[in-house]
Amino acid sequence: EPAGVVPWTTVRVGEQDEDRPRRDISQLRALRN
């Protein structure tokens, strides 16, 4: 199907913390990202 992307916002200070499993390499990468 057709799909498009448009910019909306930027990451705000305070949005860098989240709850993910820290043993899972992919989730740990996501946390660090």
Full PDB file with SEQRES, HELIX, SHEET, SSBOND, CRYST1, ORIGX, SCALE, CONECT and MASTER records, all heavy atoms in Angstrom:
SEQRES   1 A   33  GLU PRO ALA GLY VAL VAL PRO TRP THR THR VAL ARG VAL          
SEQRES   2 A   33  GLY GLU GLN ASP GLU ASP ARG PRO ARG ARG ASP ILE SER          
SEQRES   3 A   33  GLN LEU ARG ALA LEU ARG ASN                                  
HELIX    1 AA1 ILE A   25  ARG A   32  1                                   8    
CRYST1    1.000    1.000    1.000  90.00  90.00  90.00 P 1           1          
ORIGX1      1.000000  0.000000  0.000000        0.00000                         
ORIGX2      0.000000  1.000000  0.000000        0.00000                         
ORIGX3      0.000000  0.000000  1.000000        0.00000                         
SCALE1      1.000000  0.000000  0.000000        0.00000                         
SCALE2      0.000000  1.000000  0.000000        0.00000                         
SCALE3      0.000000  0.000000  1.000000        0.00000                         
ATOM      1  N   GLU A   1       0.820  -1.205   0.000  1.00  0.00           N  
ATOM      2  CA  GLU A   1       0.000   0.000   0.000  1.00  0.00           C  
ATOM      3  C   GLU A   1       0.861   1.267   0.000  1.00  0.00           C  
ATOM      4  O   GLU A   1       2.011   1.254   0.447  1.00  0.00           O  
ATOM      5  CB  GLU A   1      -0.923   0.010   1.223  1.00  0.00           C  
ATOM      6  CG  GLU A   1      -1.741  -1.260   1.420  1.00  0.00           C  
ATOM      7  CD  GLU A   1      -2.847  -1.468   0.405  1.00  0.00           C  
ATOM      8  OE1 GLU A   1      -2.586  -1.306  -0.800  1.00  0.00           O  
ATOM      9  OE2 GLU A   1      -3.970  -1.815   0.819  1.00  0.00           O  
ATOM     10  N   PRO A   2       0.292   2.396  -0.448  1.00  0.00           N  
ATOM     11  CA  PRO A   2       1.038   3.658  -0.415  1.00  0.00           C  
ATOM     12  C   PRO A   2       1.184   4.161   1.011  1.00  0.00           C  
ATOM     13  O   PRO A   2       0.253   4.079   1.813  1.00  0.00           O  
ATOM     14  CB  PRO A   2       0.167   4.603  -1.249  1.00  0.00           C  
ATOM     15  CG  PRO A   2      -1.227   4.076  -1.078  1.00  0.00           C  
ATOM     16  CD  PRO A   2      -1.074   2.580  -0.999  1.00  0.00           C  
ATOM     17  N   ALA A   3       2.369   4.691   1.322  1.00  0.00           N  
ATOM     18  CA  ALA A   3       2.646   5.177   2.678  1.00  0.00           C  
ATOM     19  C   ALA A   3       3.580   6.364   2.608  1.00  0.00           C  
ATOM     20  O   ALA A   3       4.510   6.390   1.794  1.00  0.00           O  
ATOM     21  CB  ALA A   3       3.267   4.066   3.531  1.00  0.00           C  
ATOM     22  N   GLY A   4       3.317   7.348   3.453  1.00  0.00           N  
ATOM     23  CA  GLY A   4       4.146   8.545   3.460  1.00  0.00           C  
ATOM     24  C   GLY A   4       4.477   8.988   4.869  1.00  0.00           C  
ATOM     25  O   GLY A   4       3.804   8.606   5.839  1.00  0.00           O  
ATOM     26  N   VAL A   5       5.526   9.796   4.972  1.00  0.00           N  
ATOM     27  CA  VAL A   5       6.004  10.308   6.259  1.00  0.00           C  
ATOM     28  C   VAL A   5       6.144  11.815   6.173  1.00  0.00           C  
ATOM     29  O   VAL A   5       6.557  12.362   5.142  1.00  0.00           O  
ATOM     30  CB  VAL A   5       7.360   9.669   6.626  1.00  0.00           C  
ATOM     31  CG1 VAL A   5       8.033  10.412   7.765  1.00  0.00           C  
ATOM     32  CG2 VAL A   5       7.179   8.205   6.990  1.00  0.00           C  
ATOM     33  N   VAL A   6       5.781  12.478   7.276  1.00  0.00           N  
ATOM     34  CA  VAL A   6       5.959  13.924   7.386  1.00  0.00           C  
ATOM     35  C   VAL A   6       6.567  14.218   8.760  1.00  0.00           C  
ATOM     36  O   VAL A   6       6.253  13.523   9.739  1.00  0.00           O  
ATOM     37  CB  VAL A   6       4.608  14.662   7.212  1.00  0.00           C  
ATOM     38  CG1 VAL A   6       3.677  14.400   8.381  1.00  0.00           C  
ATOM     39  CG2 VAL A   6       4.791  16.147   6.995  1.00  0.00           C  
ATOM     40  N   PRO A   7       7.479  15.191   8.866  1.00  0.00           N  
ATOM     41  CA  PRO A   7       8.033  15.519  10.185  1.00  0.00           C  
ATOM     42  C   PRO A   7       6.964  16.129  11.086  1.00  0.00           C  
ATOM     43  O   PRO A   7       6.112  16.886  10.623  1.00  0.00           O  
ATOM     44  CB  PRO A   7       9.146  16.527   9.871  1.00  0.00           C  
ATOM     45  CG  PRO A   7       8.794  17.094   8.539  1.00  0.00           C  
ATOM     46  CD  PRO A   7       8.086  16.014   7.793  1.00  0.00           C  
ATOM     47  N   TRP A   8       7.023  15.806  12.384  1.00  0.00           N  
ATOM     48  CA  TRP A   8       6.015  16.317  13.307  1.00  0.00           C  
ATOM     49  C   TRP A   8       6.621  17.087  14.476  1.00  0.00           C  
ATOM     50  O   TRP A   8       6.170  18.164  14.828  1.00  0.00           O  
ATOM     51  CB  TRP A   8       5.147  15.172  13.842  1.00  0.00           C  
ATOM     52  CG  TRP A   8       4.141  15.642  14.838  1.00  0.00           C  
ATOM     53  CD1 TRP A   8       4.235  15.584  16.207  1.00  0.00           C  
ATOM     54  CD2 TRP A   8       2.905  16.303  14.556  1.00  0.00           C  
ATOM     55  NE1 TRP A   8       3.123  16.148  16.791  1.00  0.00           N  
ATOM     56  CE2 TRP A   8       2.278  16.603  15.799  1.00  0.00           C  
ATOM     57  CE3 TRP A   8       2.250  16.653  13.380  1.00  0.00           C  
ATOM     58  CZ2 TRP A   8       1.052  17.245  15.882  1.00  0.00           C  
ATOM     59  CZ3 TRP A   8       1.020  17.290  13.460  1.00  0.00           C  
ATOM     60  CH2 TRP A   8       0.436  17.586  14.704  1.00  0.00           C  
ATOM     61  N   THR A   9       7.645  16.541  15.104  1.00  0.00           N  
ATOM     62  CA  THR A   9       8.171  17.148  16.322  1.00  0.00           C  
ATOM     63  C   THR A   9       9.636  16.788  16.473  1.00  0.00           C  
ATOM     64  O   THR A   9      10.259  16.247  15.544  1.00  0.00           O  
ATOM     65  CB  THR A   9       7.366  16.653  17.547  1.00  0.00           C  
ATOM     66  OG1 THR A   9       7.769  17.370  18.721  1.00  0.00           O  
ATOM     67  CG2 THR A   9       7.564  15.169  17.780  1.00  0.00           C  
ATOM     68  N   THR A  10      10.207  17.088  17.631  1.00  0.00           N  
ATOM     69  CA  THR A  10      11.545  16.632  17.988  1.00  0.00           C  
ATOM     70  C   THR A  10      11.486  16.008  19.376  1.00  0.00           C  
ATOM     71  O   THR A  10      10.540  16.240  20.140  1.00  0.00           O  
ATOM     72  CB  THR A  10      12.567  17.792  18.002  1.00  0.00           C  
ATOM     73  OG1 THR A  10      12.131  18.790  18.929  1.00  0.00           O  
ATOM     74  CG2 THR A  10      12.725  18.409  16.619  1.00  0.00           C  
ATOM     75  N   VAL A  11      12.485  15.210  19.705  1.00  0.00           N  
ATOM     76  CA  VAL A  11      12.546  14.590  21.023  1.00  0.00           C  
ATOM     77  C   VAL A  11      12.795  15.678  22.070  1.00  0.00           C  
ATOM     78  O   VAL A  11      13.716  16.484  21.941  1.00  0.00           O  
ATOM     79  CB  VAL A  11      13.670  13.546  21.096  1.00  0.00           C  
ATOM     80  CG1 VAL A  11      13.697  12.895  22.479  1.00  0.00           C  
ATOM     81  CG2 VAL A  11      13.500  12.489  20.010  1.00  0.00           C  
ATOM     82  N   ARG A  12      11.964  15.698  23.082  1.00  0.00           N  
ATOM     83  CA  ARG A  12      12.097  16.695  24.142  1.00  0.00           C  
ATOM     84  C   ARG A  12      13.014  16.195  25.258  1.00  0.00           C  
ATOM     85  O   ARG A  12      13.137  14.989  25.480  1.00  0.00           O  
ATOM     86  CB  ARG A  12      10.717  17.004  24.741  1.00  0.00           C  
ATOM     87  CG  ARG A  12       9.744  17.646  23.770  1.00  0.00           C  
ATOM     88  CD  ARG A  12       8.367  17.732  24.392  1.00  0.00           C  
ATOM     89  NE  ARG A  12       7.394  18.328  23.476  1.00  0.00           N  
ATOM     90  CZ  ARG A  12       6.077  18.311  23.672  1.00  0.00           C  
ATOM     91  NH1 ARG A  12       5.571  17.701  24.754  1.00  0.00           N  
ATOM     92  NH2 ARG A  12       5.270  18.874  22.796  1.00  0.00           N  
ATOM     93  N   VAL A  13      13.638  17.151  25.935  1.00  0.00           N  
ATOM     94  CA  VAL A  13      14.386  16.811  27.133  1.00  0.00           C  
ATOM     95  C   VAL A  13      13.402  16.194  28.139  1.00  0.00           C  
ATOM     96  O   VAL A  13      12.319  16.722  28.362  1.00  0.00           O  
ATOM     97  CB  VAL A  13      15.061  18.057  27.733  1.00  0.00           C  
ATOM     98  CG1 VAL A  13      15.717  17.720  29.066  1.00  0.00           C  
ATOM     99  CG2 VAL A  13      16.079  18.630  26.761  1.00  0.00           C  
ATOM    100  N   GLY A  14      13.765  15.080  28.698  1.00  0.00           N  
ATOM    101  CA  GLY A  14      12.863  14.375  29.601  1.00  0.00           C  
ATOM    102  C   GLY A  14      12.184  13.194  28.943  1.00  0.00           C  
ATOM    103  O   GLY A  14      11.551  12.366  29.618  1.00  0.00           O  
ATOM    104  N   GLU A  15      12.307  13.090  27.604  1.00  0.00           N  
ATOM    105  CA  GLU A  15      11.721  11.948  26.885  1.00  0.00           C  
ATOM    106  C   GLU A  15      12.783  10.898  26.553  1.00  0.00           C  
ATOM    107  O   GLU A  15      12.524   9.998  25.756  1.00  0.00           O  
ATOM    108  CB  GLU A  15      11.048  12.420  25.594  1.00  0.00           C  
ATOM    109  CG  GLU A  15       9.759  13.182  25.822  1.00  0.00           C  
ATOM    110  CD  GLU A  15       9.068  13.563  24.525  1.00  0.00           C  
ATOM    111  OE1 GLU A  15       9.764  13.997  23.579  1.00  0.00           O  
ATOM    112  OE2 GLU A  15       7.822  13.460  24.458  1.00  0.00           O  
ATOM    113  N   GLN A  16      13.963  11.022  27.171  1.00  0.00           N  
ATOM    114  CA  GLN A  16      15.034  10.082  26.849  1.00  0.00           C  
ATOM    115  C   GLN A  16      15.034   8.852  27.751  1.00  0.00           C  
ATOM    116  O   GLN A  16      15.828   7.938  27.532  1.00  0.00           O  
ATOM    117  CB  GLN A  16      16.412  10.750  26.960  1.00  0.00           C  
ATOM    118  CG  GLN A  16      16.549  11.996  26.098  1.00  0.00           C  
ATOM    119  CD  GLN A  16      16.477  13.257  26.931  1.00  0.00           C  
ATOM    120  OE1 GLN A  16      15.473  13.514  27.582  1.00  0.00           O  
ATOM    121  NE2 GLN A  16      17.534  14.035  26.932  1.00  0.00           N  
ATOM    122  N   ASP A  17      14.187   8.845  28.757  1.00  0.00           N  
ATOM    123  CA  ASP A  17      14.132   7.706  29.666  1.00  0.00           C  
ATOM    124  C   ASP A  17      12.899   6.858  29.347  1.00  0.00           C  
ATOM    125  O   ASP A  17      11.808   7.392  29.123  1.00  0.00           O  
ATOM    126  CB  ASP A  17      14.048   8.171  31.122  1.00  0.00           C  
ATOM    127  CG  ASP A  17      15.286   8.949  31.540  1.00  0.00           C  
ATOM    128  OD1 ASP A  17      16.381   8.574  31.086  1.00  0.00           O  
ATOM    129  OD2 ASP A  17      15.143   9.923  32.293  1.00  0.00           O  
ATOM    130  N   GLU A  18      13.072   5.560  29.316  1.00  0.00           N  
ATOM    131  CA  GLU A  18      11.938   4.670  29.080  1.00  0.00           C  
ATOM    132  C   GLU A  18      12.203   3.324  29.739  1.00  0.00           C  
ATOM    133  O   GLU A  18      13.318   3.007  30.137  1.00  0.00           O  
ATOM    134  CB  GLU A  18      11.677   4.503  27.584  1.00  0.00           C  
ATOM    135  CG  GLU A  18      12.874   4.052  26.771  1.00  0.00           C  
ATOM    136  CD  GLU A  18      12.523   3.830  25.315  1.00  0.00           C  
ATOM    137  OE1 GLU A  18      11.369   3.472  25.036  1.00  0.00           O  
ATOM    138  OE2 GLU A  18      13.404   4.001  24.470  1.00  0.00           O  
ATOM    139  N   ASP A  19      11.153   2.547  29.834  1.00  0.00           N  
ATOM    140  CA  ASP A  19      11.219   1.263  30.517  1.00  0.00           C  
ATOM    141  C   ASP A  19      11.277   0.145  29.478  1.00  0.00           C  
ATOM    142  O   ASP A  19      10.312  -0.090  28.767  1.00  0.00           O  
ATOM    143  CB  ASP A  19       9.996   1.102  31.420  1.00  0.00           C  
ATOM    144  CG  ASP A  19      10.042  -0.199  32.219  1.00  0.00           C  
ATOM    145  OD1 ASP A  19      11.155  -0.709  32.427  1.00  0.00           O  
ATOM    146  OD2 ASP A  19       8.968  -0.692  32.603  1.00  0.00           O  
ATOM    147  N   ARG A  20      12.427  -0.502  29.379  1.00  0.00           N  
ATOM    148  CA  ARG A  20      12.600  -1.649  28.492  1.00  0.00           C  
ATOM    149  C   ARG A  20      13.451  -2.701  29.211  1.00  0.00           C  
ATOM    150  O   ARG A  20      14.243  -2.374  30.086  1.00  0.00           O  
ATOM    151  CB  ARG A  20      13.316  -1.252  27.193  1.00  0.00           C  
ATOM    152  CG  ARG A  20      12.531  -0.347  26.270  1.00  0.00           C  
ATOM    153  CD  ARG A  20      13.351  -0.047  25.012  1.00  0.00           C  
ATOM    154  NE  ARG A  20      12.718   0.946  24.171  1.00  0.00           N  
ATOM    155  CZ  ARG A  20      11.878   0.675  23.180  1.00  0.00           C  
ATOM    156  NH1 ARG A  20      11.568  -0.579  22.922  1.00  0.00           N  
ATOM    157  NH2 ARG A  20      11.356   1.643  22.457  1.00  0.00           N  
ATOM    158  N   PRO A  21      13.320  -3.967  28.809  1.00  0.00           N  
ATOM    159  CA  PRO A  21      14.177  -5.016  29.395  1.00  0.00           C  
ATOM    160  C   PRO A  21      15.647  -4.731  29.075  1.00  0.00           C  
ATOM    161  O   PRO A  21      16.009  -4.560  27.910  1.00  0.00           O  
ATOM    162  CB  PRO A  21      13.698  -6.300  28.697  1.00  0.00           C  
ATOM    163  CG  PRO A  21      12.342  -5.972  28.179  1.00  0.00           C  
ATOM    164  CD  PRO A  21      12.348  -4.519  27.854  1.00  0.00           C  
ATOM    165  N   ARG A  22      16.484  -4.704  30.090  1.00  0.00           N  
ATOM    166  CA  ARG A  22      17.878  -4.320  29.881  1.00  0.00           C  
ATOM    167  C   ARG A  22      18.784  -5.502  29.534  1.00  0.00           C  
ATOM    168  O   ARG A  22      19.933  -5.304  29.145  1.00  0.00           O  
ATOM    169  CB  ARG A  22      18.411  -3.592  31.121  1.00  0.00           C  
ATOM    170  CG  ARG A  22      17.724  -2.246  31.333  1.00  0.00           C  
ATOM    171  CD  ARG A  22      18.200  -1.522  32.568  1.00  0.00           C  
ATOM    172  NE  ARG A  22      17.493  -0.250  32.710  1.00  0.00           N  
ATOM    173  CZ  ARG A  22      17.915   0.905  32.192  1.00  0.00           C  
ATOM    174  NH1 ARG A  22      19.028   0.934  31.500  1.00  0.00           N  
ATOM    175  NH2 ARG A  22      17.222   2.007  32.363  1.00  0.00           N  
ATOM    176  N   ARG A  23      18.296  -6.713  29.648  1.00  0.00           N  
ATOM    177  CA  ARG A  23      19.113  -7.867  29.263  1.00  0.00           C  
ATOM    178  C   ARG A  23      19.015  -8.153  27.772  1.00  0.00           C  
ATOM    179  O   ARG A  23      19.908  -8.762  27.196  1.00  0.00           O  
ATOM    180  CB  ARG A  23      18.677  -9.102  30.062  1.00  0.00           C  
ATOM    181  CG  ARG A  23      19.019  -9.044  31.549  1.00  0.00           C  
ATOM    182  CD  ARG A  23      18.556 -10.308  32.240  1.00  0.00           C  
ATOM    183  NE  ARG A  23      19.204 -11.508  31.686  1.00  0.00           N  
ATOM    184  CZ  ARG A  23      18.796 -12.741  31.916  1.00  0.00           C  
ATOM    185  NH1 ARG A  23      17.741 -12.959  32.696  1.00  0.00           N  
ATOM    186  NH2 ARG A  23      19.435 -13.772  31.387  1.00  0.00           N  
ATOM    187  N   ASP A  24      17.926  -7.748  27.167  1.00  0.00           N  
ATOM    188  CA  ASP A  24      17.692  -7.981  25.741  1.00  0.00           C  
ATOM    189  C   ASP A  24      18.561  -7.006  24.935  1.00  0.00           C  
ATOM    190  O   ASP A  24      18.422  -5.788  25.063  1.00  0.00           O  
ATOM    191  CB  ASP A  24      16.206  -7.775  25.435  1.00  0.00           C  
ATOM    192  CG  ASP A  24      15.838  -8.143  24.011  1.00  0.00           C  
ATOM    193  OD1 ASP A  24      16.550  -7.717  23.086  1.00  0.00           O  
ATOM    194  OD2 ASP A  24      14.819  -8.829  23.820  1.00  0.00           O  
ATOM    195  N   ILE A  25      19.455  -7.517  24.103  1.00  0.00           N  
ATOM    196  CA  ILE A  25      20.388  -6.659  23.365  1.00  0.00           C  
ATOM    197  C   ILE A  25      19.650  -5.620  22.520  1.00  0.00           C  
ATOM    198  O   ILE A  25      20.011  -4.439  22.512  1.00  0.00           O  
ATOM    199  CB  ILE A  25      21.309  -7.516  22.467  1.00  0.00           C  
ATOM    200  CG1 ILE A  25      22.274  -8.323  23.326  1.00  0.00           C  
ATOM    201  CG2 ILE A  25      22.102  -6.631  21.505  1.00  0.00           C  
ATOM    202  CD1 ILE A  25      23.142  -9.281  22.534  1.00  0.00           C  
ATOM    203  N   SER A  26      18.614  -6.035  21.812  1.00  0.00           N  
ATOM    204  CA  SER A  26      17.870  -5.101  20.963  1.00  0.00           C  
ATOM    205  C   SER A  26      17.204  -4.010  21.793  1.00  0.00           C  
ATOM    206  O   SER A  26      17.229  -2.832  21.428  1.00  0.00           O  
ATOM    207  CB  SER A  26      16.818  -5.852  20.137  1.00  0.00           C  
ATOM    208  OG  SER A  26      17.434  -6.747  19.232  1.00  0.00           O  
ATOM    209  N   GLN A  27      16.622  -4.404  22.917  1.00  0.00           N  
ATOM    210  CA  GLN A  27      15.960  -3.421  23.773  1.00  0.00           C  
ATOM    211  C   GLN A  27      16.980  -2.509  24.454  1.00  0.00           C  
ATOM    212  O   GLN A  27      16.731  -1.314  24.663  1.00  0.00           O  
ATOM    213  CB  GLN A  27      15.094  -4.127  24.813  1.00  0.00           C  
ATOM    214  CG  GLN A  27      13.978  -4.975  24.231  1.00  0.00           C  
ATOM    215  CD  GLN A  27      12.993  -4.180  23.406  1.00  0.00           C  
ATOM    216  OE1 GLN A  27      12.726  -3.008  23.694  1.00  0.00           O  
ATOM    217  NE2 GLN A  27      12.441  -4.785  22.363  1.00  0.00           N  
ATOM    218  N   LEU A  28      18.148  -3.067  24.802  1.00  0.00           N  
ATOM    219  CA  LEU A  28      19.208  -2.249  25.386  1.00  0.00           C  
ATOM    220  C   LEU A  28      19.721  -1.240  24.368  1.00  0.00           C  
ATOM    221  O   LEU A  28      19.973  -0.077  24.704  1.00  0.00           O  
ATOM    222  CB  LEU A  28      20.353  -3.141  25.876  1.00  0.00           C  
ATOM    223  CG  LEU A  28      21.526  -2.423  26.575  1.00  0.00           C  
ATOM    224  CD1 LEU A  28      21.030  -1.647  27.796  1.00  0.00           C  
ATOM    225  CD2 LEU A  28      22.601  -3.431  26.968  1.00  0.00           C  
ATOM    226  N   ARG A  29      19.853  -1.674  23.109  1.00  0.00           N  
ATOM    227  CA  ARG A  29      20.233  -0.754  22.034  1.00  0.00           C  
ATOM    228  C   ARG A  29      19.201   0.367  21.892  1.00  0.00           C  
ATOM    229  O   ARG A  29      19.544   1.531  21.685  1.00  0.00           O  
ATOM    230  CB  ARG A  29      20.345  -1.507  20.714  1.00  0.00           C  
ATOM    231  CG  ARG A  29      21.595  -2.335  20.555  1.00  0.00           C  
ATOM    232  CD  ARG A  29      22.738  -1.498  20.024  1.00  0.00           C  
ATOM    233  NE  ARG A  29      23.799  -2.315  19.474  1.00  0.00           N  
ATOM    234  CZ  ARG A  29      24.870  -1.840  18.887  1.00  0.00           C  
ATOM    235  NH1 ARG A  29      25.032  -0.531  18.775  1.00  0.00           N  
ATOM    236  NH2 ARG A  29      25.800  -2.641  18.407  1.00  0.00           N  
ATOM    237  N   ALA A  30      17.937  -0.008  22.000  1.00  0.00           N  
ATOM    238  CA  ALA A  30      16.870   0.991  21.898  1.00  0.00           C  
ATOM    239  C   ALA A  30      16.963   2.000  23.034  1.00  0.00           C  
ATOM    240  O   ALA A  30      16.802   3.215  22.824  1.00  0.00           O  
ATOM    241  CB  ALA A  30      15.504   0.302  21.898  1.00  0.00           C  
ATOM    242  N   LEU A  31      17.225   1.514  24.253  1.00  0.00           N  
ATOM    243  CA  LEU A  31      17.381   2.408  25.398  1.00  0.00           C  
ATOM    244  C   LEU A  31      18.525   3.392  25.181  1.00  0.00           C  
ATOM    245  O   LEU A  31      18.386   4.594  25.421  1.00  0.00           O  
ATOM    246  CB  LEU A  31      17.653   1.586  26.662  1.00  0.00           C  
ATOM    247  CG  LEU A  31      16.459   0.933  27.342  1.00  0.00           C  
ATOM    248  CD1 LEU A  31      16.941  -0.061  28.401  1.00  0.00           C  
ATOM    249  CD2 LEU A  31      15.560   1.982  27.984  1.00  0.00           C  
ATOM    250  N   ARG A  32      19.648   2.888  24.716  1.00  0.00           N  
ATOM    251  CA  ARG A  32      20.811   3.745  24.481  1.00  0.00           C  
ATOM    252  C   ARG A  32      20.555   4.723  23.348  1.00  0.00           C  
ATOM    253  O   ARG A  32      21.064   5.846  23.350  1.00  0.00           O  
ATOM    254  CB  ARG A  32      22.031   2.873  24.184  1.00  0.00           C  
ATOM    255  CG  ARG A  32      22.520   2.087  25.406  1.00  0.00           C  
ATOM    256  CD  ARG A  32      23.610   1.109  25.036  1.00  0.00           C  
ATOM    257  NE  ARG A  32      24.144   0.431  26.222  1.00  0.00           N  
ATOM    258  CZ  ARG A  32      24.981  -0.601  26.181  1.00  0.00           C  
ATOM    259  NH1 ARG A  32      25.381  -1.080  25.011  1.00  0.00           N  
ATOM    260  NH2 ARG A  32      25.413  -1.149  27.301  1.00  0.00           N  
ATOM    261  N   ASN A  33      19.779   4.286  22.366  1.00  0.00           N  
ATOM    262  CA  ASN A  33      19.455   5.169  21.253  1.00  0.00           C  
ATOM    263  C   ASN A  33      18.614   6.353  21.716  1.00  0.00           C  
ATOM    264  O   ASN A  33      18.813   7.501  21.315  1.00  0.00           O  
ATOM    265  CB  ASN A  33      18.704   4.388  20.170  1.00  0.00           C  
ATOM    266  CG  ASN A  33      18.779   5.045  18.814  1.00  0.00           C  
ATOM    267  OD1 ASN A  33      19.751   4.879  18.093  1.00  0.00           O  
ATOM    268  ND2 ASN A  33      17.761   5.823  18.452  1.00  0.00           N  
TER     269      ASN A  33                                                      
MASTER        0    0    0    1    0    0    0    6  268    1    0    3          
END                                                                             
